[in-house]
């Protein structure tokens, strides 16, 4: 079942409720020009206008819940005026965070799908290579890969096998795989295989070249990733170790000479900033890691 974060209903029900507000989605869709293609790549049965209307509607829904909860606390507990401003800020933050997260969710799913495909593509192609080189037909090789444990690639080949079984030619079935697939490597592999079929070239030799090229590209990506770790480690040492240590020392010395008091809130803010930086740093390192399965 297609599920969207922050959306408490299934996609068909959400579309029905959002239908009267499609005008809002039409205006918002101009801000996200590539959203239709992204939704198609992750097989969401919805267009950009409908999706953005759902995003706007449920962002308002969660914003209303947060505002009602905090405003009730403000009224019944008779809190200070500052808490009322905090309520407004928290409500506005909830709306923008939820709306942009829902709006960017298809792109995040495409990135995740691409990484999973490229993580298993060499193993799947080696499987197909062994099958074809041993005298098995390409169709039977595709059937064997579709039954393997190669994640999305196995599912894609399973779809291809079903189309061929219903009468579609191998080249047409393979070409249809490239239409909605977000991985450039996967599309390139399928194009090379279909061109080999059309030109009558030996598929086994083509697979040999494809596997060799992909293996070389992955080695280059690993070397590039290794070369990027040194400046990242230096940045981490500077921001997370050296700057906080020297900064706190400087504040203590400055307070002793000038008499300016340093509150506990200052140290708490420094601690929170370091936690946010380290969390962001781990995300940067993880995102830069090439999609390679050892």
C-alpha atoms as a PDB file:
ATOM      1  CA  UNK A   1       0.000   0.000   0.000  1.00  0.00           C
ATOM      2  CA  UNK A   2       1.319   3.458  -0.951  1.00  0.00           C
ATOM      3  CA  UNK A   3       1.992   5.405   2.234  1.00  0.00           C
ATOM      4  CA  UNK A   4       3.093   9.010   2.603  1.00  0.00           C
ATOM      5  CA  UNK A   5       4.733  10.303   5.816  1.00  0.00           C
ATOM      6  CA  UNK A   6       2.572  12.641   7.945  1.00  0.00           C
ATOM      7  CA  UNK A   7      -0.487  11.474   5.964  1.00  0.00           C
ATOM      8  CA  UNK A   8      -2.763   9.409   8.197  1.00  0.00           C
ATOM      9  CA  UNK A   9      -4.999   8.129   5.381  1.00  0.00           C
ATOM     10  CA  UNK A  10      -4.391   5.853   2.432  1.00  0.00           C
ATOM     11  CA  UNK A  11      -3.615   7.583  -0.863  1.00  0.00           C
ATOM     12  CA  UNK A  12      -7.052   6.970  -2.499  1.00  0.00           C
ATOM     13  CA  UNK A  13      -8.900   8.351   0.549  1.00  0.00           C
ATOM     14  CA  UNK A  14      -6.543  11.322   0.799  1.00  0.00           C
ATOM     15  CA  UNK A  15      -7.167  12.110  -2.901  1.00  0.00           C
ATOM     16  CA  UNK A  16     -10.935  12.159  -2.347  1.00  0.00           C
ATOM     17  CA  UNK A  17     -10.679  14.518   0.618  1.00  0.00           C
ATOM     18  CA  UNK A  18      -8.192  16.800  -1.158  1.00  0.00           C
ATOM     19  CA  UNK A  19     -10.252  17.090  -4.375  1.00  0.00           C
ATOM     20  CA  UNK A  20     -11.979  20.408  -3.482  1.00  0.00           C
ATOM     21  CA  UNK A  21      -8.578  22.041  -2.877  1.00  0.00           C
ATOM     22  CA  UNK A  22      -6.860  21.075  -6.150  1.00  0.00           C
ATOM     23  CA  UNK A  23      -6.548  24.746  -7.063  1.00  0.00           C
ATOM     24  CA  UNK A  24      -3.959  25.157  -4.298  1.00  0.00           C
ATOM     25  CA  UNK A  25      -2.048  22.161  -5.627  1.00  0.00           C
ATOM     26  CA  UNK A  26      -2.032  23.614  -9.141  1.00  0.00           C
ATOM     27  CA  UNK A  27      -0.324  26.781  -7.881  1.00  0.00           C
ATOM     28  CA  UNK A  28       2.146  24.849  -5.713  1.00  0.00           C
ATOM     29  CA  UNK A  29       3.076  22.482  -8.557  1.00  0.00           C
ATOM     30  CA  UNK A  30       4.850  25.377 -10.308  1.00  0.00           C
ATOM     31  CA  UNK A  31       7.398  25.320  -7.465  1.00  0.00           C
ATOM     32  CA  UNK A  32       8.164  21.623  -8.032  1.00  0.00           C
ATOM     33  CA  UNK A  33       8.532  21.150 -11.819  1.00  0.00           C
ATOM     34  CA  UNK A  34      10.015  17.627 -11.693  1.00  0.00           C
ATOM     35  CA  UNK A  35       7.547  16.165  -9.221  1.00  0.00           C
ATOM     36  CA  UNK A  36       5.376  14.379 -11.812  1.00  0.00           C
ATOM     37  CA  UNK A  37       8.374  12.396 -13.087  1.00  0.00           C
ATOM     38  CA  UNK A  38       9.482  11.573  -9.546  1.00  0.00           C
ATOM     39  CA  UNK A  39       6.020  10.292  -8.598  1.00  0.00           C
ATOM     40  CA  UNK A  40       5.956   8.148 -11.725  1.00  0.00           C
ATOM     41  CA  UNK A  41       9.359   6.633 -10.889  1.00  0.00           C
ATOM     42  CA  UNK A  42       8.167   5.438  -7.480  1.00  0.00           C
ATOM     43  CA  UNK A  43       4.831   4.155  -8.868  1.00  0.00           C
ATOM     44  CA  UNK A  44       2.604   6.570  -6.942  1.00  0.00           C
ATOM     45  CA  UNK A  45      -0.839   6.684  -8.548  1.00  0.00           C
ATOM     46  CA  UNK A  46      -1.125  10.456  -8.198  1.00  0.00           C
ATOM     47  CA  UNK A  47      -0.009  13.546 -10.124  1.00  0.00           C
ATOM     48  CA  UNK A  48       1.876  16.583  -8.809  1.00  0.00           C
ATOM     49  CA  UNK A  49      -1.261  18.688  -8.311  1.00  0.00           C
ATOM     50  CA  UNK A  50      -2.996  16.014  -6.248  1.00  0.00           C
ATOM     51  CA  UNK A  51       0.144  15.167  -4.267  1.00  0.00           C
ATOM     52  CA  UNK A  52       0.921  18.770  -3.318  1.00  0.00           C
ATOM     53  CA  UNK A  53      -2.709  19.358  -2.348  1.00  0.00           C
ATOM     54  CA  UNK A  54      -2.471  16.369   0.012  1.00  0.00           C
ATOM     55  CA  UNK A  55       0.828  17.704   1.366  1.00  0.00           C
ATOM     56  CA  UNK A  56      -0.678  21.146   2.016  1.00  0.00           C
ATOM     57  CA  UNK A  57      -3.851  19.741   3.561  1.00  0.00           C
ATOM     58  CA  UNK A  58      -2.139  17.403   6.024  1.00  0.00           C
ATOM     59  CA  UNK A  59       0.506  20.004   6.887  1.00  0.00           C
ATOM     60  CA  UNK A  60      -2.373  22.284   7.924  1.00  0.00           C
ATOM     61  CA  UNK A  61      -3.905  19.371   9.837  1.00  0.00           C
ATOM     62  CA  UNK A  62      -0.769  18.737  11.934  1.00  0.00           C
ATOM     63  CA  UNK A  63      -0.191  22.465  12.373  1.00  0.00           C
ATOM     64  CA  UNK A  64      -3.715  22.807  13.770  1.00  0.00           C
ATOM     65  CA  UNK A  65      -3.146  19.941  16.223  1.00  0.00           C
ATOM     66  CA  UNK A  66       0.141  21.416  17.482  1.00  0.00           C
ATOM     67  CA  UNK A  67      -1.345  24.908  17.791  1.00  0.00           C
ATOM     68  CA  UNK A  68      -4.497  23.665  19.563  1.00  0.00           C
ATOM     69  CA  UNK A  69      -2.458  21.610  22.042  1.00  0.00           C
ATOM     70  CA  UNK A  70       0.004  24.376  22.902  1.00  0.00           C
ATOM     71  CA  UNK A  71      -2.666  27.090  22.957  1.00  0.00           C
ATOM     72  CA  UNK A  72      -4.765  24.991  25.353  1.00  0.00           C
ATOM     73  CA  UNK A  73      -1.766  24.737  27.668  1.00  0.00           C
ATOM     74  CA  UNK A  74      -1.275  28.501  27.375  1.00  0.00           C
ATOM     75  CA  UNK A  75      -4.925  29.200  28.284  1.00  0.00           C
ATOM     76  CA  UNK A  76      -5.557  26.683  31.034  1.00  0.00           C
ATOM     77  CA  UNK A  77      -2.161  26.929  32.748  1.00  0.00           C
ATOM     78  CA  UNK A  78      -2.062  30.734  32.336  1.00  0.00           C
ATOM     79  CA  UNK A  79       1.477  30.735  31.024  1.00  0.00           C
ATOM     80  CA  UNK A  80       3.491  33.810  30.090  1.00  0.00           C
ATOM     81  CA  UNK A  81       3.173  35.754  26.841  1.00  0.00           C
ATOM     82  CA  UNK A  82       6.492  34.254  25.735  1.00  0.00           C
ATOM     83  CA  UNK A  83       4.887  30.824  25.581  1.00  0.00           C
ATOM     84  CA  UNK A  84       2.255  32.194  23.175  1.00  0.00           C
ATOM     85  CA  UNK A  85       5.008  33.311  20.782  1.00  0.00           C
ATOM     86  CA  UNK A  86       6.632  29.894  21.177  1.00  0.00           C
ATOM     87  CA  UNK A  87       3.271  28.349  20.208  1.00  0.00           C
ATOM     88  CA  UNK A  88       3.131  30.410  17.012  1.00  0.00           C
ATOM     89  CA  UNK A  89       6.745  29.585  16.114  1.00  0.00           C
ATOM     90  CA  UNK A  90       6.255  25.856  16.791  1.00  0.00           C
ATOM     91  CA  UNK A  91       3.062  25.799  14.702  1.00  0.00           C
ATOM     92  CA  UNK A  92       4.697  27.577  11.773  1.00  0.00           C
ATOM     93  CA  UNK A  93       7.732  25.273  12.003  1.00  0.00           C
ATOM     94  CA  UNK A  94       5.448  22.228  11.995  1.00  0.00           C
ATOM     95  CA  UNK A  95       3.726  23.409   8.816  1.00  0.00           C
ATOM     96  CA  UNK A  96       6.918  24.126   6.857  1.00  0.00           C
ATOM     97  CA  UNK A  97       8.751  20.992   8.030  1.00  0.00           C
ATOM     98  CA  UNK A  98       5.842  18.647   7.278  1.00  0.00           C
ATOM     99  CA  UNK A  99       4.994  20.278   3.933  1.00  0.00           C
ATOM    100  CA  UNK A 100       8.529  20.278   2.559  1.00  0.00           C
ATOM    101  CA  UNK A 101       9.233  16.790   3.874  1.00  0.00           C
ATOM    102  CA  UNK A 102       6.128  15.404   2.152  1.00  0.00           C
ATOM    103  CA  UNK A 103       6.961  17.372  -1.016  1.00  0.00           C
ATOM    104  CA  UNK A 104      10.538  16.056  -1.120  1.00  0.00           C
ATOM    105  CA  UNK A 105       9.595  12.517  -0.098  1.00  0.00           C
ATOM    106  CA  UNK A 106       9.411  11.210  -3.725  1.00  0.00           C
ATOM    107  CA  UNK A 107      12.946  12.478  -4.365  1.00  0.00           C
ATOM    108  CA  UNK A 108      14.156  10.768  -1.178  1.00  0.00           C
ATOM    109  CA  UNK A 109      12.489   7.525  -2.262  1.00  0.00           C
ATOM    110  CA  UNK A 110      14.120   7.770  -5.701  1.00  0.00           C
ATOM    111  CA  UNK A 111      17.529   8.279  -4.091  1.00  0.00           C
ATOM    112  CA  UNK A 112      16.959   5.253  -1.844  1.00  0.00           C
ATOM    113  CA  UNK A 113      15.729   3.159  -4.796  1.00  0.00           C
ATOM    114  CA  UNK A 114      18.735   4.170  -6.916  1.00  0.00           C
ATOM    115  CA  UNK A 115      21.208   3.242  -4.171  1.00  0.00           C
ATOM    116  CA  UNK A 116      19.585  -0.160  -3.669  1.00  0.00           C
ATOM    117  CA  UNK A 117      19.703  -0.875  -7.410  1.00  0.00           C
ATOM    118  CA  UNK A 118      23.331   0.176  -7.796  1.00  0.00           C
ATOM    119  CA  UNK A 119      24.307  -1.794  -4.687  1.00  0.00           C
ATOM    120  CA  UNK A 120      23.140  -5.083  -6.252  1.00  0.00           C
ATOM    121  CA  UNK A 121      23.569  -4.441  -9.970  1.00  0.00           C
ATOM    122  CA  UNK A 122      27.000  -6.070 -10.362  1.00  0.00           C
ATOM    123  CA  UNK A 123      25.950  -9.223  -8.501  1.00  0.00           C
ATOM    124  CA  UNK A 124      22.770  -9.512 -10.584  1.00  0.00           C
ATOM    125  CA  UNK A 125      24.717  -9.018 -13.824  1.00  0.00           C
ATOM    126  CA  UNK A 126      27.324 -11.603 -12.814  1.00  0.00           C
ATOM    127  CA  UNK A 127      24.482 -14.021 -12.157  1.00  0.00           C
ATOM    128  CA  UNK A 128      23.060 -13.300 -15.608  1.00  0.00           C
ATOM    129  CA  UNK A 129      26.555 -13.504 -17.108  1.00  0.00           C
ATOM    130  CA  UNK A 130      27.169 -16.987 -15.669  1.00  0.00           C
ATOM    131  CA  UNK A 131      23.775 -18.158 -16.922  1.00  0.00           C
ATOM    132  CA  UNK A 132      24.271 -16.861 -20.467  1.00  0.00           C
ATOM    133  CA  UNK A 133      27.908 -18.027 -20.738  1.00  0.00           C
ATOM    134  CA  UNK A 134      26.873 -21.530 -19.674  1.00  0.00           C
ATOM    135  CA  UNK A 135      24.498 -21.812 -22.633  1.00  0.00           C
ATOM    136  CA  UNK A 136      21.229 -20.736 -21.001  1.00  0.00           C
ATOM    137  CA  UNK A 137      18.988 -18.449 -23.069  1.00  0.00           C
ATOM    138  CA  UNK A 138      18.648 -14.795 -22.096  1.00  0.00           C
ATOM    139  CA  UNK A 139      15.019 -15.318 -21.087  1.00  0.00           C
ATOM    140  CA  UNK A 140      15.885 -18.193 -18.747  1.00  0.00           C
ATOM    141  CA  UNK A 141      18.735 -16.081 -17.372  1.00  0.00           C
ATOM    142  CA  UNK A 142      16.301 -13.252 -16.621  1.00  0.00           C
ATOM    143  CA  UNK A 143      13.992 -15.750 -14.912  1.00  0.00           C
ATOM    144  CA  UNK A 144      16.894 -16.962 -12.748  1.00  0.00           C
ATOM    145  CA  UNK A 145      17.858 -13.398 -11.742  1.00  0.00           C
ATOM    146  CA  UNK A 146      14.235 -12.541 -10.984  1.00  0.00           C
ATOM    147  CA  UNK A 147      14.173 -15.408  -8.480  1.00  0.00           C
ATOM    148  CA  UNK A 148      17.448 -14.273  -6.877  1.00  0.00           C
ATOM    149  CA  UNK A 149      17.814 -12.078  -3.830  1.00  0.00           C
ATOM    150  CA  UNK A 150      18.752  -8.842  -5.612  1.00  0.00           C
ATOM    151  CA  UNK A 151      16.072  -6.546  -4.212  1.00  0.00           C
ATOM    152  CA  UNK A 152      14.516  -4.126  -6.697  1.00  0.00           C
ATOM    153  CA  UNK A 153      16.504  -5.580  -9.611  1.00  0.00           C
ATOM    154  CA  UNK A 154      14.880  -8.995  -9.100  1.00  0.00           C
ATOM    155  CA  UNK A 155      11.455  -7.319  -9.035  1.00  0.00           C
ATOM    156  CA  UNK A 156      12.241  -5.363 -12.223  1.00  0.00           C
ATOM    157  CA  UNK A 157      13.338  -8.512 -14.053  1.00  0.00           C
ATOM    158  CA  UNK A 158      10.292 -10.357 -12.726  1.00  0.00           C
ATOM    159  CA  UNK A 159       8.093  -7.689 -14.323  1.00  0.00           C
ATOM    160  CA  UNK A 160      10.096  -8.034 -17.546  1.00  0.00           C
ATOM    161  CA  UNK A 161       9.700 -11.845 -17.543  1.00  0.00           C
ATOM    162  CA  UNK A 162       5.927 -11.539 -17.084  1.00  0.00           C
ATOM    163  CA  UNK A 163       5.678  -9.155 -20.055  1.00  0.00           C
ATOM    164  CA  UNK A 164       7.730 -11.479 -22.252  1.00  0.00           C
ATOM    165  CA  UNK A 165       5.548 -14.415 -21.187  1.00  0.00           C
ATOM    166  CA  UNK A 166       2.456 -12.520 -22.324  1.00  0.00           C
ATOM    167  CA  UNK A 167       3.852 -12.110 -25.845  1.00  0.00           C
ATOM    168  CA  UNK A 168       5.982  -8.959 -25.722  1.00  0.00           C
ATOM    169  CA  UNK A 169       9.403  -9.243 -27.374  1.00  0.00           C
ATOM    170  CA  UNK A 170      12.536  -9.301 -25.224  1.00  0.00           C
ATOM    171  CA  UNK A 171      13.788  -5.958 -26.538  1.00  0.00           C
ATOM    172  CA  UNK A 172      10.471  -4.186 -25.951  1.00  0.00           C
ATOM    173  CA  UNK A 173      10.091  -5.654 -22.448  1.00  0.00           C
ATOM    174  CA  UNK A 174      13.635  -4.635 -21.514  1.00  0.00           C
ATOM    175  CA  UNK A 175      13.231  -1.141 -22.958  1.00  0.00           C
ATOM    176  CA  UNK A 176      10.093  -0.614 -20.874  1.00  0.00           C
ATOM    177  CA  UNK A 177      12.192  -1.233 -17.742  1.00  0.00           C
ATOM    178  CA  UNK A 178      14.183   1.932 -18.453  1.00  0.00           C
ATOM    179  CA  UNK A 179      11.132   4.223 -18.627  1.00  0.00           C
ATOM    180  CA  UNK A 180      10.455   4.439 -14.882  1.00  0.00           C
ATOM    181  CA  UNK A 181      13.822   3.334 -13.515  1.00  0.00           C
ATOM    182  CA  UNK A 182      15.767   6.136 -11.771  1.00  0.00           C
ATOM    183  CA  UNK A 183      19.211   4.474 -11.922  1.00  0.00           C
ATOM    184  CA  UNK A 184      21.399   5.678 -14.792  1.00  0.00           C
ATOM    185  CA  UNK A 185      23.651   2.605 -14.461  1.00  0.00           C
ATOM    186  CA  UNK A 186      20.694   0.235 -14.728  1.00  0.00           C
ATOM    187  CA  UNK A 187      19.258   2.045 -17.764  1.00  0.00           C
ATOM    188  CA  UNK A 188      22.649   2.034 -19.451  1.00  0.00           C
ATOM    189  CA  UNK A 189      23.029  -1.719 -18.863  1.00  0.00           C
ATOM    190  CA  UNK A 190      19.580  -2.451 -20.296  1.00  0.00           C
ATOM    191  CA  UNK A 191      20.257  -0.237 -23.340  1.00  0.00           C
ATOM    192  CA  UNK A 192      23.500  -2.118 -24.048  1.00  0.00           C
ATOM    193  CA  UNK A 193      21.747  -5.484 -23.753  1.00  0.00           C
ATOM    194  CA  UNK A 194      18.876  -4.438 -26.044  1.00  0.00           C
ATOM    195  CA  UNK A 195      21.310  -3.008 -28.610  1.00  0.00           C
ATOM    196  CA  UNK A 196      23.241  -6.289 -28.528  1.00  0.00           C
ATOM    197  CA  UNK A 197      20.018  -8.262 -29.136  1.00  0.00           C
ATOM    198  CA  UNK A 198      19.041  -6.013 -32.057  1.00  0.00           C
ATOM    199  CA  UNK A 199      22.483  -6.195 -33.667  1.00  0.00           C
ATOM    200  CA  UNK A 200      22.892  -9.945 -33.072  1.00  0.00           C
ATOM    201  CA  UNK A 201      26.064  -9.579 -30.958  1.00  0.00           C
ATOM    202  CA  UNK A 202      26.936 -12.298 -28.418  1.00  0.00           C
ATOM    203  CA  UNK A 203      25.219 -11.308 -25.131  1.00  0.00           C
ATOM    204  CA  UNK A 204      27.880 -13.094 -23.068  1.00  0.00           C
ATOM    205  CA  UNK A 205      30.681 -10.855 -24.375  1.00  0.00           C
ATOM    206  CA  UNK A 206      28.551  -7.749 -23.843  1.00  0.00           C
ATOM    207  CA  UNK A 207      27.885  -8.786 -20.233  1.00  0.00           C
ATOM    208  CA  UNK A 208      31.627  -9.338 -19.725  1.00  0.00           C
ATOM    209  CA  UNK A 209      32.332  -5.756 -20.811  1.00  0.00           C
ATOM    210  CA  UNK A 210      29.456  -4.321 -18.766  1.00  0.00           C
ATOM    211  CA  UNK A 211      30.540  -6.077 -15.553  1.00  0.00           C
ATOM    212  CA  UNK A 212      34.183  -5.041 -16.091  1.00  0.00           C
ATOM    213  CA  UNK A 213      33.225  -1.386 -16.663  1.00  0.00           C
ATOM    214  CA  UNK A 214      30.894  -1.242 -13.660  1.00  0.00           C
ATOM    215  CA  UNK A 215      33.516  -2.868 -11.429  1.00  0.00           C
ATOM    216  CA  UNK A 216      36.073  -0.284 -12.535  1.00  0.00           C
ATOM    217  CA  UNK A 217      33.620   2.591 -11.924  1.00  0.00           C
ATOM    218  CA  UNK A 218      32.892   1.310  -8.421  1.00  0.00           C
ATOM    219  CA  UNK A 219      36.622   1.104  -7.640  1.00  0.00           C
ATOM    220  CA  UNK A 220      37.028   4.708  -8.807  1.00  0.00           C
ATOM    221  CA  UNK A 221      34.074   5.750  -6.642  1.00  0.00           C
ATOM    222  CA  UNK A 222      35.601   4.038  -3.596  1.00  0.00           C
ATOM    223  CA  UNK A 223      38.964   5.784  -4.165  1.00  0.00           C
ATOM    224  CA  UNK A 224      37.195   9.129  -4.573  1.00  0.00           C
ATOM    225  CA  UNK A 225      35.246   8.545  -1.358  1.00  0.00           C
ATOM    226  CA  UNK A 226      38.472   7.684   0.486  1.00  0.00           C
ATOM    227  CA  UNK A 227      40.123  10.897  -0.715  1.00  0.00           C
ATOM    228  CA  UNK A 228      37.128  12.921   0.563  1.00  0.00           C
ATOM    229  CA  UNK A 229      37.366  11.482   4.088  1.00  0.00           C
ATOM    230  CA  UNK A 230      40.607  13.322   4.955  1.00  0.00           C
ATOM    231  CA  UNK A 231      39.224  16.890   4.563  1.00  0.00           C
ATOM    232  CA  UNK A 232      35.971  15.793   6.240  1.00  0.00           C
ATOM    233  CA  UNK A 233      37.919  14.425   9.206  1.00  0.00           C
ATOM    234  CA  UNK A 234      39.873  17.700   9.410  1.00  0.00           C
ATOM    235  CA  UNK A 235      36.635  19.696   9.374  1.00  0.00           C
ATOM    236  CA  UNK A 236      35.229  17.485  12.140  1.00  0.00           C
ATOM    237  CA  UNK A 237      38.336  18.012  14.298  1.00  0.00           C
ATOM    238  CA  UNK A 238      38.165  21.766  13.798  1.00  0.00           C
ATOM    239  CA  UNK A 239      34.430  22.238  14.448  1.00  0.00           C
ATOM    240  CA  UNK A 240      33.703  19.485  16.991  1.00  0.00           C
ATOM    241  CA  UNK A 241      36.943  19.400  19.015  1.00  0.00           C
ATOM    242  CA  UNK A 242      39.256  22.394  18.598  1.00  0.00           C
ATOM    243  CA  UNK A 243      36.758  25.258  18.270  1.00  0.00           C
ATOM    244  CA  UNK A 244      34.563  24.277  21.281  1.00  0.00           C
ATOM    245  CA  UNK A 245      37.628  23.711  23.488  1.00  0.00           C
ATOM    246  CA  UNK A 246      39.315  26.989  22.594  1.00  0.00           C
ATOM    247  CA  UNK A 247      35.980  28.841  22.579  1.00  0.00           C
ATOM    248  CA  UNK A 248      35.024  27.751  26.096  1.00  0.00           C
ATOM    249  CA  UNK A 249      38.534  28.516  27.346  1.00  0.00           C
ATOM    250  CA  UNK A 250      38.367  31.974  25.766  1.00  0.00           C
ATOM    251  CA  UNK A 251      34.942  32.631  27.352  1.00  0.00           C
ATOM    252  CA  UNK A 252      36.201  31.611  30.798  1.00  0.00           C
ATOM    253  CA  UNK A 253      39.272  33.861  30.512  1.00  0.00           C
ATOM    254  CA  UNK A 254      37.200  36.735  29.130  1.00  0.00           C
ATOM    255  CA  UNK A 255      34.688  36.456  31.980  1.00  0.00           C
ATOM    256  CA  UNK A 256      37.461  36.508  34.592  1.00  0.00           C
ATOM    257  CA  UNK A 257      38.916  39.756  33.185  1.00  0.00           C
ATOM    258  CA  UNK A 258      35.722  41.592  32.306  1.00  0.00           C
ATOM    259  CA  UNK A 259      33.415  40.246  34.998  1.00  0.00           C
ATOM    260  CA  UNK A 260      30.849  39.115  32.454  1.00  0.00           C
ATOM    261  CA  UNK A 261      28.999  36.107  33.802  1.00  0.00           C
ATOM    262  CA  UNK A 262      28.553  33.026  31.633  1.00  0.00           C
ATOM    263  CA  UNK A 263      25.171  31.413  32.154  1.00  0.00           C
ATOM    264  CA  UNK A 264      24.450  27.713  32.042  1.00  0.00           C
ATOM    265  CA  UNK A 265      22.305  28.384  28.976  1.00  0.00           C
ATOM    266  CA  UNK A 266      25.448  29.297  27.032  1.00  0.00           C
ATOM    267  CA  UNK A 267      27.030  25.907  27.723  1.00  0.00           C
ATOM    268  CA  UNK A 268      23.745  24.189  26.939  1.00  0.00           C
ATOM    269  CA  UNK A 269      23.555  25.961  23.557  1.00  0.00           C
ATOM    270  CA  UNK A 270      27.127  24.915  22.777  1.00  0.00           C
ATOM    271  CA  UNK A 271      26.278  21.307  23.643  1.00  0.00           C
ATOM    272  CA  UNK A 272      23.147  21.361  21.463  1.00  0.00           C
ATOM    273  CA  UNK A 273      25.069  22.934  18.565  1.00  0.00           C
ATOM    274  CA  UNK A 274      27.723  20.220  18.788  1.00  0.00           C
ATOM    275  CA  UNK A 275      25.061  17.508  18.825  1.00  0.00           C
ATOM    276  CA  UNK A 276      23.361  18.994  15.732  1.00  0.00           C
ATOM    277  CA  UNK A 277      26.707  19.297  13.930  1.00  0.00           C
ATOM    278  CA  UNK A 278      27.730  15.718  14.690  1.00  0.00           C
ATOM    279  CA  UNK A 279      24.361  14.401  13.544  1.00  0.00           C
ATOM    280  CA  UNK A 280      24.659  16.434  10.312  1.00  0.00           C
ATOM    281  CA  UNK A 281      28.260  15.297   9.831  1.00  0.00           C
ATOM    282  CA  UNK A 282      27.261  11.628  10.054  1.00  0.00           C
ATOM    283  CA  UNK A 283      24.567  12.292   7.442  1.00  0.00           C
ATOM    284  CA  UNK A 284      27.103  13.941   5.101  1.00  0.00           C
ATOM    285  CA  UNK A 285      29.528  11.023   5.419  1.00  0.00           C
ATOM    286  CA  UNK A 286      26.758   8.482   4.868  1.00  0.00           C
ATOM    287  CA  UNK A 287      25.375  10.280   1.796  1.00  0.00           C
ATOM    288  CA  UNK A 288      28.800  10.539   0.199  1.00  0.00           C
ATOM    289  CA  UNK A 289      29.425   6.812   0.605  1.00  0.00           C
ATOM    290  CA  UNK A 290      29.185   5.079  -2.803  1.00  0.00           C
ATOM    291  CA  UNK A 291      26.476   2.458  -3.307  1.00  0.00           C
ATOM    292  CA  UNK A 292      28.771  -0.557  -3.194  1.00  0.00           C
ATOM    293  CA  UNK A 293      27.973  -3.888  -1.560  1.00  0.00           C
ATOM    294  CA  UNK A 294      30.975  -5.937  -0.482  1.00  0.00           C
END
